[in-house]
Amino acid sequence: MLTLVLFLLIALCPVIMIKARPLMNPPICPNCGDLPVPYPLSTNDNCGDSRYKVYCNNGSLEFMSATGNYYKILKVDPCNNKLVLQPPLILKETCYSSDVVDGGFLLQEDLPFNISTHNTVMLLNCSENILLSPLNCSSNSICRVFEDKVEEGKGCFGKLCCHYLKDSAMNSHKIRVRVGGCTAYTSLVDWKADSTPESWNYGIELQWLPPY
């Protein structure tokens, strides 16, 4: 009798493991357009981890900020727990980012995402109060090149601007713009001082904490 029970347990074990596996490792979400959606990213309640919510809108993979704005995801790097968002548009013939009314880019602090330290942020059309900050607002700032050489920056030409590397000492959950401060921004990932505008990699790189 004991032998029969052991045989049944051994025979049933693979079935039990197969049934349990989806609970331990939820299925990976289907691709969104041309982009894969690796675990733990989740586009619906049936795949991924719901804390790592992203959105598949008409074949475009997007990330929603704390203010409800959607930002297109340009790249996903599951090996390094990173994704890159498309910076907001600077409205044509103005120096206002499309999310300025919401204060810029803001992450929910209780979610497992933060802005990485590989982002070089340019703040544009700033008030003189920014000169009290440690940011590079000199004539050598790369924001001057952006205003002069890049079509999107033309509306900001001649206005006060600065750039900075988003390091670990700064708030890792927001890039702030507002009327009365700086009204526009853009961001470069892994910017090098000797690079040209044609080679700049525009994006807001986010990191996520691995699931626990």
N, C-alpha and C. Protein backbone atom coordinates (compact mmCIF):
# COMPACT_ATOMS: atom_id res chain seq x y z
N MET A 1 0.83 -1.21 0.00
CA MET A 1 0.00 0.00 0.00
C MET A 1 0.87 1.26 0.00
N LEU A 2 1.91 1.24 0.86
CA LEU A 2 2.82 2.38 0.95
C LEU A 2 3.51 2.61 -0.39
N THR A 3 3.87 1.50 -1.04
CA THR A 3 4.52 1.60 -2.34
C THR A 3 3.61 2.26 -3.36
N LEU A 4 2.34 1.95 -3.33
CA LEU A 4 1.36 2.53 -4.25
C LEU A 4 1.21 4.03 -4.01
N VAL A 5 1.16 4.43 -2.73
CA VAL A 5 1.03 5.86 -2.39
C VAL A 5 2.24 6.63 -2.89
N LEU A 6 3.44 6.07 -2.67
CA LEU A 6 4.67 6.74 -3.14
C LEU A 6 4.67 6.86 -4.66
N PHE A 7 4.22 5.80 -5.33
CA PHE A 7 4.17 5.84 -6.80
C PHE A 7 3.24 6.94 -7.29
N LEU A 8 2.07 7.06 -6.64
CA LEU A 8 1.11 8.09 -7.03
C LEU A 8 1.66 9.50 -6.79
N LEU A 9 2.36 9.69 -5.68
CA LEU A 9 2.94 11.01 -5.38
C LEU A 9 3.98 11.39 -6.42
N ILE A 10 4.83 10.39 -6.78
CA ILE A 10 5.87 10.67 -7.77
C ILE A 10 5.25 10.96 -9.12
N ALA A 11 4.21 10.21 -9.47
CA ALA A 11 3.56 10.40 -10.76
C ALA A 11 2.86 11.74 -10.85
N LEU A 12 2.27 12.17 -9.73
CA LEU A 12 1.51 13.42 -9.73
C LEU A 12 2.40 14.64 -9.56
N CYS A 13 3.62 14.49 -9.08
CA CYS A 13 4.49 15.63 -8.77
C CYS A 13 4.70 16.55 -9.97
N PRO A 14 5.02 16.03 -11.17
CA PRO A 14 5.19 16.94 -12.31
C PRO A 14 3.95 17.74 -12.61
N VAL A 15 2.78 17.13 -12.45
CA VAL A 15 1.52 17.83 -12.70
C VAL A 15 1.32 18.94 -11.70
N ILE A 16 1.61 18.62 -10.43
CA ILE A 16 1.48 19.63 -9.38
C ILE A 16 2.43 20.80 -9.65
N MET A 17 3.67 20.49 -10.05
CA MET A 17 4.65 21.54 -10.33
C MET A 17 4.22 22.39 -11.51
N ILE A 18 3.71 21.77 -12.56
CA ILE A 18 3.26 22.51 -13.74
C ILE A 18 2.11 23.43 -13.39
N LYS A 19 1.20 22.94 -12.55
CA LYS A 19 0.06 23.78 -12.18
C LYS A 19 0.49 24.93 -11.27
N ALA A 20 1.49 24.68 -10.43
CA ALA A 20 1.91 25.70 -9.47
C ALA A 20 2.79 26.76 -10.11
N ARG A 21 3.50 26.42 -11.18
CA ARG A 21 4.48 27.33 -11.75
C ARG A 21 3.91 28.68 -12.15
N PRO A 22 2.74 28.77 -12.82
CA PRO A 22 2.20 30.08 -13.17
C PRO A 22 1.94 30.96 -11.96
N LEU A 23 1.64 30.32 -10.78
CA LEU A 23 1.40 31.13 -9.58
C LEU A 23 2.71 31.71 -9.07
N MET A 24 3.81 30.93 -9.21
CA MET A 24 5.10 31.40 -8.74
C MET A 24 5.73 32.35 -9.75
N ASN A 25 5.54 32.08 -11.02
CA ASN A 25 6.11 32.90 -12.09
C ASN A 25 5.00 33.28 -13.07
N PRO A 26 4.31 34.40 -12.84
CA PRO A 26 3.22 34.78 -13.73
C PRO A 26 3.69 34.87 -15.17
N PRO A 27 2.82 34.60 -16.12
CA PRO A 27 3.24 34.60 -17.52
C PRO A 27 3.72 35.97 -17.98
N ILE A 28 4.62 35.94 -18.93
CA ILE A 28 5.12 37.18 -19.53
C ILE A 28 4.04 37.75 -20.44
N CYS A 29 3.91 39.06 -20.46
CA CYS A 29 2.89 39.71 -21.29
C CYS A 29 3.29 39.63 -22.77
N PRO A 30 2.31 39.62 -23.66
CA PRO A 30 2.63 39.60 -25.09
C PRO A 30 3.30 40.89 -25.53
N ASN A 31 3.98 40.83 -26.65
CA ASN A 31 4.61 42.02 -27.22
C ASN A 31 3.58 43.12 -27.43
N CYS A 32 4.06 44.34 -27.38
CA CYS A 32 3.22 45.50 -27.71
C CYS A 32 3.84 46.15 -28.94
N GLY A 33 3.22 45.99 -30.08
CA GLY A 33 3.86 46.44 -31.31
C GLY A 33 5.16 45.68 -31.51
N ASP A 34 6.25 46.40 -31.71
CA ASP A 34 7.56 45.77 -31.92
C ASP A 34 8.33 45.54 -30.62
N LEU A 35 7.78 46.01 -29.50
CA LEU A 35 8.52 45.90 -28.25
C LEU A 35 8.06 44.72 -27.41
N PRO A 36 9.00 43.92 -26.90
CA PRO A 36 8.64 42.88 -25.94
C PRO A 36 8.27 43.53 -24.60
N VAL A 37 7.51 42.82 -23.80
CA VAL A 37 7.14 43.29 -22.47
C VAL A 37 7.65 42.26 -21.47
N PRO A 38 8.93 42.35 -21.10
CA PRO A 38 9.53 41.32 -20.23
C PRO A 38 8.99 41.41 -18.81
N TYR A 39 9.00 40.26 -18.13
CA TYR A 39 8.66 40.24 -16.71
C TYR A 39 9.68 41.09 -15.94
N PRO A 40 9.27 41.92 -14.98
CA PRO A 40 7.95 41.96 -14.32
C PRO A 40 6.97 42.98 -14.91
N LEU A 41 7.31 43.63 -16.03
CA LEU A 41 6.40 44.62 -16.59
C LEU A 41 5.05 43.98 -16.91
N SER A 42 3.98 44.74 -16.71
CA SER A 42 2.63 44.17 -16.83
C SER A 42 1.73 45.12 -17.61
N THR A 43 1.11 44.60 -18.66
CA THR A 43 0.15 45.39 -19.44
C THR A 43 -1.30 45.05 -19.10
N ASN A 44 -1.50 43.98 -18.32
CA ASN A 44 -2.86 43.64 -17.88
C ASN A 44 -2.78 42.76 -16.64
N ASP A 45 -3.94 42.47 -16.06
CA ASP A 45 -3.98 41.76 -14.78
C ASP A 45 -3.58 40.29 -14.89
N ASN A 46 -3.45 39.78 -16.11
CA ASN A 46 -3.19 38.36 -16.29
C ASN A 46 -1.74 38.03 -16.60
N CYS A 47 -0.86 39.03 -16.57
CA CYS A 47 0.54 38.76 -16.88
C CYS A 47 1.43 39.77 -16.16
N GLY A 48 2.67 39.38 -15.96
CA GLY A 48 3.61 40.27 -15.29
C GLY A 48 3.23 40.51 -13.83
N ASP A 49 3.78 41.56 -13.26
CA ASP A 49 3.54 41.94 -11.86
C ASP A 49 2.82 43.30 -11.88
N SER A 50 1.66 43.36 -11.27
CA SER A 50 0.81 44.56 -11.36
C SER A 50 1.47 45.81 -10.79
N ARG A 51 2.52 45.65 -9.97
CA ARG A 51 3.22 46.84 -9.44
C ARG A 51 4.06 47.51 -10.52
N TYR A 52 4.31 46.79 -11.62
CA TYR A 52 5.17 47.29 -12.69
C TYR A 52 4.32 47.60 -13.93
N LYS A 53 3.30 48.40 -13.71
CA LYS A 53 2.29 48.64 -14.73
C LYS A 53 2.81 49.50 -15.88
N VAL A 54 2.60 49.03 -17.10
CA VAL A 54 2.82 49.81 -18.32
C VAL A 54 1.58 49.62 -19.18
N TYR A 55 1.49 50.33 -20.28
CA TYR A 55 0.25 50.34 -21.07
C TYR A 55 0.56 50.12 -22.54
N CYS A 56 -0.25 49.29 -23.17
CA CYS A 56 -0.13 49.06 -24.60
C CYS A 56 -1.29 49.78 -25.27
N ASN A 57 -1.01 50.92 -25.87
CA ASN A 57 -2.04 51.76 -26.49
C ASN A 57 -1.82 51.79 -28.00
N ASN A 58 -2.70 51.09 -28.72
CA ASN A 58 -2.63 51.06 -30.20
C ASN A 58 -1.25 50.65 -30.70
N GLY A 59 -0.68 49.63 -30.08
CA GLY A 59 0.62 49.12 -30.51
C GLY A 59 1.81 49.90 -30.01
N SER A 60 1.58 50.89 -29.15
CA SER A 60 2.66 51.69 -28.58
C SER A 60 2.75 51.41 -27.08
N LEU A 61 3.92 50.97 -26.62
CA LEU A 61 4.12 50.69 -25.21
C LEU A 61 4.39 52.00 -24.48
N GLU A 62 3.62 52.26 -23.40
CA GLU A 62 3.70 53.56 -22.73
C GLU A 62 3.76 53.40 -21.21
N PHE A 63 4.31 54.43 -20.59
CA PHE A 63 4.42 54.49 -19.13
C PHE A 63 3.60 55.68 -18.65
N MET A 64 2.83 55.50 -17.59
CA MET A 64 2.01 56.60 -17.08
C MET A 64 2.66 57.20 -15.84
N SER A 65 2.81 58.53 -15.83
CA SER A 65 3.41 59.23 -14.70
C SER A 65 2.38 59.40 -13.59
N ALA A 66 2.83 59.92 -12.46
CA ALA A 66 1.94 60.15 -11.32
C ALA A 66 0.87 61.18 -11.63
N THR A 67 1.10 62.01 -12.64
CA THR A 67 0.12 63.04 -13.00
C THR A 67 -0.82 62.57 -14.11
N GLY A 68 -0.69 61.31 -14.54
CA GLY A 68 -1.60 60.76 -15.54
C GLY A 68 -1.18 61.00 -16.98
N ASN A 69 0.04 61.51 -17.19
CA ASN A 69 0.54 61.69 -18.55
C ASN A 69 1.19 60.39 -19.03
N TYR A 70 1.00 60.09 -20.31
CA TYR A 70 1.60 58.90 -20.90
C TYR A 70 2.86 59.28 -21.68
N TYR A 71 3.92 58.49 -21.47
CA TYR A 71 5.20 58.70 -22.14
C TYR A 71 5.55 57.42 -22.90
N LYS A 72 5.85 57.56 -24.17
CA LYS A 72 6.17 56.40 -24.99
C LYS A 72 7.46 55.73 -24.51
N ILE A 73 7.45 54.42 -24.41
CA ILE A 73 8.64 53.65 -24.05
C ILE A 73 9.42 53.35 -25.33
N LEU A 74 10.66 53.81 -25.39
CA LEU A 74 11.49 53.63 -26.58
C LEU A 74 12.30 52.35 -26.53
N LYS A 75 12.65 51.93 -25.31
CA LYS A 75 13.56 50.79 -25.17
C LYS A 75 13.32 50.14 -23.82
N VAL A 76 13.44 48.81 -23.79
CA VAL A 76 13.35 48.06 -22.54
C VAL A 76 14.60 47.19 -22.42
N ASP A 77 15.28 47.28 -21.28
CA ASP A 77 16.49 46.50 -21.04
C ASP A 77 16.27 45.63 -19.80
N PRO A 78 15.70 44.42 -19.98
CA PRO A 78 15.38 43.59 -18.82
C PRO A 78 16.61 43.10 -18.07
N CYS A 79 17.74 42.98 -18.74
CA CYS A 79 18.96 42.50 -18.08
C CYS A 79 19.44 43.48 -17.01
N ASN A 80 19.20 44.77 -17.24
CA ASN A 80 19.64 45.80 -16.29
C ASN A 80 18.48 46.50 -15.60
N ASN A 81 17.27 45.95 -15.74
CA ASN A 81 16.08 46.51 -15.09
C ASN A 81 15.87 47.98 -15.46
N LYS A 82 15.91 48.28 -16.75
CA LYS A 82 15.80 49.66 -17.20
C LYS A 82 14.83 49.78 -18.37
N LEU A 83 14.24 50.95 -18.48
CA LEU A 83 13.50 51.31 -19.69
C LEU A 83 13.74 52.78 -19.97
N VAL A 84 13.58 53.16 -21.23
CA VAL A 84 13.83 54.54 -21.65
C VAL A 84 12.54 55.13 -22.21
N LEU A 85 12.16 56.29 -21.70
CA LEU A 85 10.95 56.98 -22.15
C LEU A 85 11.31 58.09 -23.13
N GLN A 86 10.39 58.39 -24.01
CA GLN A 86 10.56 59.54 -24.90
C GLN A 86 10.25 60.81 -24.12
N PRO A 87 11.17 61.79 -24.09
CA PRO A 87 10.87 63.04 -23.38
C PRO A 87 9.66 63.73 -23.99
N PRO A 88 8.97 64.57 -23.22
CA PRO A 88 7.80 65.27 -23.76
C PRO A 88 8.20 66.24 -24.86
N LEU A 89 7.28 66.50 -25.75
CA LEU A 89 7.53 67.47 -26.81
C LEU A 89 7.64 68.88 -26.23
N ILE A 90 8.49 69.68 -26.84
CA ILE A 90 8.47 71.12 -26.58
C ILE A 90 7.56 71.71 -27.66
N LEU A 91 6.51 72.35 -27.23
CA LEU A 91 5.48 72.81 -28.17
C LEU A 91 6.07 73.72 -29.22
N LYS A 92 5.66 73.53 -30.44
CA LYS A 92 6.25 74.22 -31.60
C LYS A 92 6.18 75.73 -31.44
N GLU A 93 7.31 76.37 -31.75
CA GLU A 93 7.46 77.83 -31.70
C GLU A 93 7.22 78.40 -30.31
N THR A 94 7.39 77.56 -29.28
CA THR A 94 7.32 78.03 -27.89
C THR A 94 8.52 77.44 -27.16
N CYS A 95 8.62 77.73 -25.87
CA CYS A 95 9.59 77.06 -25.02
C CYS A 95 8.87 76.49 -23.81
N TYR A 96 7.81 75.71 -24.11
CA TYR A 96 7.00 75.08 -23.07
C TYR A 96 6.90 73.58 -23.37
N SER A 97 7.29 72.74 -22.39
CA SER A 97 7.09 71.31 -22.53
C SER A 97 5.60 70.98 -22.45
N SER A 98 5.21 69.92 -23.12
CA SER A 98 3.79 69.57 -23.16
C SER A 98 3.24 69.19 -21.79
N ASP A 99 4.11 68.86 -20.83
CA ASP A 99 3.63 68.49 -19.49
C ASP A 99 3.88 69.59 -18.45
N VAL A 100 4.15 70.83 -18.92
CA VAL A 100 4.47 71.90 -17.97
C VAL A 100 3.28 72.21 -17.04
N VAL A 101 2.07 72.06 -17.53
CA VAL A 101 0.90 72.36 -16.69
C VAL A 101 0.79 71.40 -15.52
N ASP A 102 1.44 70.24 -15.63
CA ASP A 102 1.40 69.25 -14.55
C ASP A 102 2.69 69.24 -13.74
N GLY A 103 3.57 70.22 -13.99
CA GLY A 103 4.80 70.32 -13.22
C GLY A 103 5.93 69.48 -13.73
N GLY A 104 5.81 68.95 -14.95
CA GLY A 104 6.88 68.13 -15.52
C GLY A 104 6.66 66.65 -15.29
N PHE A 105 7.75 65.91 -15.21
CA PHE A 105 7.70 64.46 -15.08
C PHE A 105 7.75 64.08 -13.60
N LEU A 106 6.78 63.28 -13.17
CA LEU A 106 6.69 62.91 -11.75
C LEU A 106 6.34 61.43 -11.64
N LEU A 107 7.12 60.70 -10.83
CA LEU A 107 6.86 59.30 -10.54
C LEU A 107 6.17 59.15 -9.20
N GLN A 108 5.33 58.12 -9.09
CA GLN A 108 4.78 57.78 -7.78
C GLN A 108 5.88 57.17 -6.93
N GLU A 109 6.08 57.70 -5.75
CA GLU A 109 7.21 57.27 -4.92
C GLU A 109 7.00 55.90 -4.30
N ASP A 110 5.76 55.39 -4.30
CA ASP A 110 5.52 54.07 -3.72
C ASP A 110 5.62 52.96 -4.77
N LEU A 111 5.94 53.31 -6.01
CA LEU A 111 6.13 52.31 -7.05
C LEU A 111 7.62 52.00 -7.20
N PRO A 112 7.97 50.83 -7.77
CA PRO A 112 9.38 50.40 -7.80
C PRO A 112 10.19 50.98 -8.95
N PHE A 113 9.91 52.23 -9.34
CA PHE A 113 10.64 52.88 -10.42
C PHE A 113 11.34 54.13 -9.90
N ASN A 114 12.49 54.46 -10.46
CA ASN A 114 13.14 55.74 -10.17
C ASN A 114 13.89 56.21 -11.42
N ILE A 115 14.20 57.50 -11.46
CA ILE A 115 14.95 58.08 -12.56
C ILE A 115 16.42 57.73 -12.36
N SER A 116 17.04 57.15 -13.37
CA SER A 116 18.42 56.67 -13.21
C SER A 116 19.42 57.84 -13.21
N THR A 117 20.64 57.52 -12.85
CA THR A 117 21.70 58.52 -12.80
C THR A 117 22.41 58.67 -14.14
N HIS A 118 21.83 58.10 -15.20
CA HIS A 118 22.44 58.21 -16.53
C HIS A 118 21.79 59.31 -17.36
N ASN A 119 20.91 60.10 -16.74
CA ASN A 119 20.19 61.15 -17.46
C ASN A 119 20.87 62.51 -17.29
N THR A 120 21.15 63.16 -18.40
CA THR A 120 21.59 64.56 -18.38
C THR A 120 20.40 65.40 -18.80
N VAL A 121 19.91 66.21 -17.87
CA VAL A 121 18.68 66.97 -18.08
C VAL A 121 19.01 68.41 -18.46
N MET A 122 18.32 68.92 -19.48
CA MET A 122 18.42 70.33 -19.85
C MET A 122 17.13 71.04 -19.43
N LEU A 123 17.28 72.10 -18.64
CA LEU A 123 16.15 72.94 -18.25
C LEU A 123 16.20 74.22 -19.08
N LEU A 124 15.06 74.62 -19.64
CA LEU A 124 15.03 75.70 -20.62
C LEU A 124 14.05 76.78 -20.22
N ASN A 125 14.32 78.02 -20.69
CA ASN A 125 13.46 79.17 -20.41
C ASN A 125 13.27 79.33 -18.90
N CYS A 126 14.38 79.49 -18.21
CA CYS A 126 14.37 79.52 -16.73
C CYS A 126 14.37 80.95 -16.19
N SER A 127 13.86 81.10 -15.00
CA SER A 127 13.95 82.39 -14.30
C SER A 127 15.35 82.52 -13.70
N GLU A 128 15.72 83.73 -13.34
CA GLU A 128 17.07 83.97 -12.83
C GLU A 128 17.31 83.31 -11.47
N ASN A 129 16.26 82.89 -10.80
CA ASN A 129 16.44 82.20 -9.51
C ASN A 129 17.28 80.94 -9.66
N ILE A 130 17.29 80.36 -10.85
CA ILE A 130 18.03 79.12 -11.04
C ILE A 130 19.54 79.34 -10.95
N LEU A 131 19.98 80.58 -11.09
CA LEU A 131 21.41 80.87 -10.99
C LEU A 131 21.94 80.64 -9.58
N LEU A 132 21.04 80.52 -8.61
CA LEU A 132 21.44 80.21 -7.24
C LEU A 132 21.71 78.72 -7.05
N SER A 133 21.37 77.92 -8.04
CA SER A 133 21.54 76.47 -7.95
C SER A 133 22.95 76.09 -8.43
N PRO A 134 23.36 74.84 -8.17
CA PRO A 134 24.69 74.39 -8.63
C PRO A 134 24.68 73.88 -10.07
N LEU A 135 23.63 74.11 -10.82
CA LEU A 135 23.54 73.60 -12.19
C LEU A 135 24.47 74.38 -13.11
N ASN A 136 24.79 73.79 -14.25
CA ASN A 136 25.63 74.46 -15.24
C ASN A 136 24.74 75.34 -16.12
N CYS A 137 24.75 76.64 -15.85
CA CYS A 137 23.96 77.60 -16.62
C CYS A 137 24.86 78.52 -17.43
N SER A 138 26.08 78.10 -17.65
CA SER A 138 27.07 78.94 -18.33
C SER A 138 26.86 78.92 -19.84
N SER A 139 27.64 79.72 -20.53
CA SER A 139 27.59 79.75 -22.00
C SER A 139 28.09 78.44 -22.60
N ASN A 140 28.74 77.62 -21.78
CA ASN A 140 29.24 76.32 -22.25
C ASN A 140 28.27 75.18 -22.01
N SER A 141 27.12 75.49 -21.44
CA SER A 141 26.14 74.44 -21.17
C SER A 141 25.65 73.83 -22.48
N ILE A 142 25.38 72.54 -22.47
CA ILE A 142 24.90 71.89 -23.69
C ILE A 142 23.51 72.38 -24.10
N CYS A 143 22.80 73.02 -23.17
CA CYS A 143 21.48 73.55 -23.55
C CYS A 143 21.62 74.64 -24.60
N ARG A 144 22.77 75.33 -24.64
CA ARG A 144 23.01 76.35 -25.66
C ARG A 144 23.12 75.70 -27.05
N VAL A 145 23.75 74.54 -27.08
CA VAL A 145 23.86 73.80 -28.33
C VAL A 145 22.47 73.33 -28.77
N PHE A 146 21.69 72.84 -27.83
CA PHE A 146 20.34 72.38 -28.13
C PHE A 146 19.49 73.50 -28.73
N GLU A 147 19.56 74.68 -28.13
CA GLU A 147 18.78 75.82 -28.63
C GLU A 147 19.23 76.25 -30.03
N ASP A 148 20.51 76.14 -30.27
CA ASP A 148 21.08 76.67 -31.52
C ASP A 148 21.02 75.67 -32.67
N LYS A 149 21.22 74.37 -32.34
CA LYS A 149 21.41 73.38 -33.40
C LYS A 149 20.21 72.44 -33.62
N VAL A 150 19.34 72.33 -32.64
CA VAL A 150 18.25 71.35 -32.71
C VAL A 150 16.93 72.08 -32.95
N GLU A 151 16.20 71.63 -33.93
CA GLU A 151 14.97 72.33 -34.34
C GLU A 151 14.00 72.50 -33.18
N GLU A 152 13.85 71.49 -32.36
CA GLU A 152 12.89 71.56 -31.26
C GLU A 152 13.26 72.64 -30.24
N GLY A 153 14.54 72.99 -30.17
CA GLY A 153 14.98 73.98 -29.19
C GLY A 153 14.95 75.41 -29.68
N LYS A 154 14.60 75.62 -30.95
CA LYS A 154 14.67 76.96 -31.53
C LYS A 154 13.83 77.99 -30.77
N GLY A 155 12.67 77.56 -30.26
CA GLY A 155 11.81 78.50 -29.54
C GLY A 155 12.38 78.94 -28.21
N CYS A 156 13.42 78.26 -27.75
CA CYS A 156 14.05 78.60 -26.47
C CYS A 156 15.32 79.43 -26.66
N PHE A 157 15.66 79.74 -27.90
CA PHE A 157 16.93 80.40 -28.18
C PHE A 157 17.04 81.73 -27.45
N GLY A 158 18.20 81.95 -26.81
CA GLY A 158 18.48 83.22 -26.14
C GLY A 158 17.92 83.33 -24.73
N LYS A 159 17.19 82.31 -24.28
CA LYS A 159 16.63 82.34 -22.93
C LYS A 159 17.56 81.60 -21.97
N LEU A 160 17.43 81.90 -20.69
CA LEU A 160 18.30 81.28 -19.69
C LEU A 160 18.03 79.78 -19.62
N CYS A 161 19.10 78.99 -19.67
CA CYS A 161 18.95 77.54 -19.60
C CYS A 161 20.13 76.94 -18.84
N CYS A 162 19.96 75.70 -18.41
CA CYS A 162 20.99 75.01 -17.63
C CYS A 162 20.94 73.52 -17.93
N HIS A 163 21.99 72.80 -17.54
CA HIS A 163 21.91 71.35 -17.61
C HIS A 163 22.55 70.76 -16.36
N TYR A 164 22.20 69.50 -16.08
CA TYR A 164 22.77 68.81 -14.93
C TYR A 164 22.65 67.31 -15.14
N LEU A 165 23.53 66.57 -14.48
CA LEU A 165 23.47 65.12 -14.45
C LEU A 165 22.60 64.72 -13.27
N LYS A 166 21.60 63.89 -13.55
CA LYS A 166 20.67 63.47 -12.50
C LYS A 166 21.37 62.46 -11.59
N ASP A 167 22.07 62.96 -10.57
CA ASP A 167 22.85 62.06 -9.72
C ASP A 167 22.05 61.59 -8.52
N SER A 168 22.65 60.70 -7.74
CA SER A 168 21.94 60.06 -6.63
C SER A 168 21.59 61.02 -5.50
N ALA A 169 22.22 62.19 -5.47
CA ALA A 169 21.92 63.16 -4.41
C ALA A 169 20.64 63.94 -4.69
N MET A 170 20.12 63.82 -5.92
CA MET A 170 18.93 64.58 -6.31
C MET A 170 17.68 63.74 -6.15
N ASN A 171 16.54 64.39 -6.19
CA ASN A 171 15.28 63.68 -6.16
C ASN A 171 15.19 62.76 -7.38
N SER A 172 14.98 61.49 -7.14
CA SER A 172 14.98 60.51 -8.24
C SER A 172 13.57 60.20 -8.74
N HIS A 173 12.61 61.04 -8.37
CA HIS A 173 11.22 60.79 -8.76
C HIS A 173 10.59 61.94 -9.55
N LYS A 174 11.38 62.97 -9.88
CA LYS A 174 10.77 64.05 -10.65
C LYS A 174 11.79 64.85 -11.45
N ILE A 175 11.31 65.40 -12.55
CA ILE A 175 12.01 66.45 -13.30
C ILE A 175 11.03 67.61 -13.33
N ARG A 176 11.31 68.65 -12.59
CA ARG A 176 10.31 69.68 -12.36
C ARG A 176 10.44 70.85 -13.33
N VAL A 177 9.32 71.24 -13.91
CA VAL A 177 9.22 72.49 -14.67
C VAL A 177 7.92 73.18 -14.28
N ARG A 178 7.92 74.50 -14.42
CA ARG A 178 6.71 75.25 -14.05
C ARG A 178 6.83 76.67 -14.59
N VAL A 179 5.71 77.30 -14.78
CA VAL A 179 5.69 78.72 -15.14
C VAL A 179 6.22 79.50 -13.94
N GLY A 180 7.17 80.38 -14.19
CA GLY A 180 7.84 81.10 -13.10
C GLY A 180 9.16 80.48 -12.70
N GLY A 181 9.42 79.28 -13.22
CA GLY A 181 10.71 78.62 -12.99
C GLY A 181 11.35 78.35 -14.35
N CYS A 182 11.46 77.08 -14.70
CA CYS A 182 11.85 76.68 -16.06
C CYS A 182 10.61 76.07 -16.71
N THR A 183 10.34 76.42 -17.94
CA THR A 183 9.08 75.99 -18.55
C THR A 183 9.23 74.82 -19.51
N ALA A 184 10.45 74.39 -19.77
CA ALA A 184 10.66 73.28 -20.70
C ALA A 184 11.89 72.49 -20.28
N TYR A 185 11.94 71.25 -20.75
CA TYR A 185 13.10 70.40 -20.48
C TYR A 185 13.19 69.32 -21.53
N THR A 186 14.36 68.74 -21.62
CA THR A 186 14.56 67.50 -22.34
C THR A 186 15.68 66.75 -21.64
N SER A 187 15.91 65.51 -22.04
CA SER A 187 16.88 64.68 -21.33
C SER A 187 17.63 63.79 -22.31
N LEU A 188 18.91 63.57 -22.01
CA LEU A 188 19.77 62.70 -22.81
C LEU A 188 20.26 61.56 -21.94
N VAL A 189 20.31 60.36 -22.51
CA VAL A 189 20.81 59.19 -21.79
C VAL A 189 22.27 58.95 -22.19
N ASP A 190 23.13 58.80 -21.18
CA ASP A 190 24.56 58.52 -21.39
C ASP A 190 25.23 59.56 -22.29
N TRP A 191 24.96 60.82 -22.01
CA TRP A 191 25.57 61.91 -22.79
C TRP A 191 27.06 61.98 -22.52
N LYS A 192 27.84 62.19 -23.59
CA LYS A 192 29.29 62.37 -23.49
C LYS A 192 29.64 63.79 -23.93
N ALA A 193 30.59 64.40 -23.25
CA ALA A 193 30.94 65.80 -23.49
C ALA A 193 31.43 66.05 -24.91
N ASP A 194 32.04 65.06 -25.54
CA ASP A 194 32.58 65.25 -26.88
C ASP A 194 31.60 64.83 -27.98
N SER A 195 30.36 64.55 -27.62
CA SER A 195 29.39 64.09 -28.61
C SER A 195 28.76 65.26 -29.35
N THR A 196 28.21 64.99 -30.51
CA THR A 196 27.53 66.02 -31.31
C THR A 196 26.03 65.83 -31.21
N PRO A 197 25.23 66.86 -31.47
CA PRO A 197 23.77 66.74 -31.37
C PRO A 197 23.20 65.60 -32.22
N GLU A 198 23.84 65.30 -33.33
CA GLU A 198 23.34 64.23 -34.21
C GLU A 198 23.42 62.86 -33.53
N SER A 199 24.32 62.73 -32.55
CA SER A 199 24.50 61.43 -31.89
C SER A 199 23.82 61.35 -30.53
N TRP A 200 23.18 62.43 -30.10
CA TRP A 200 22.54 62.43 -28.78
C TRP A 200 21.42 61.40 -28.70
N ASN A 201 21.35 60.75 -27.56
CA ASN A 201 20.33 59.73 -27.30
C ASN A 201 19.27 60.33 -26.38
N TYR A 202 18.20 60.87 -26.95
CA TYR A 202 17.15 61.51 -26.16
C TYR A 202 16.35 60.46 -25.41
N GLY A 203 16.10 60.72 -24.15
CA GLY A 203 15.29 59.80 -23.37
C GLY A 203 15.34 60.11 -21.89
N ILE A 204 14.38 59.56 -21.17
CA ILE A 204 14.38 59.58 -19.70
C ILE A 204 14.52 58.13 -19.27
N GLU A 205 15.69 57.78 -18.76
CA GLU A 205 15.92 56.39 -18.37
C GLU A 205 15.42 56.14 -16.96
N LEU A 206 14.58 55.11 -16.82
CA LEU A 206 14.08 54.69 -15.52
C LEU A 206 14.68 53.35 -15.16
N GLN A 207 14.91 53.15 -13.88
CA GLN A 207 15.30 51.85 -13.35
C GLN A 207 14.14 51.30 -12.53
N TRP A 208 14.03 49.97 -12.48
CA TRP A 208 13.06 49.39 -11.57
C TRP A 208 13.74 48.44 -10.61
N LEU A 209 13.21 48.37 -9.40
CA LEU A 209 13.70 47.42 -8.41
C LEU A 209 13.17 46.05 -8.77
N PRO A 210 13.98 45.01 -8.65
CA PRO A 210 13.49 43.66 -8.96
C PRO A 210 12.37 43.27 -8.00
N PRO A 211 11.45 42.43 -8.46
CA PRO A 211 10.38 41.95 -7.57
C PRO A 211 11.00 41.20 -6.40
N TYR A 212 10.31 41.24 -5.28
CA TYR A 212 10.82 40.52 -4.10
C TYR A 212 9.88 39.39 -3.75
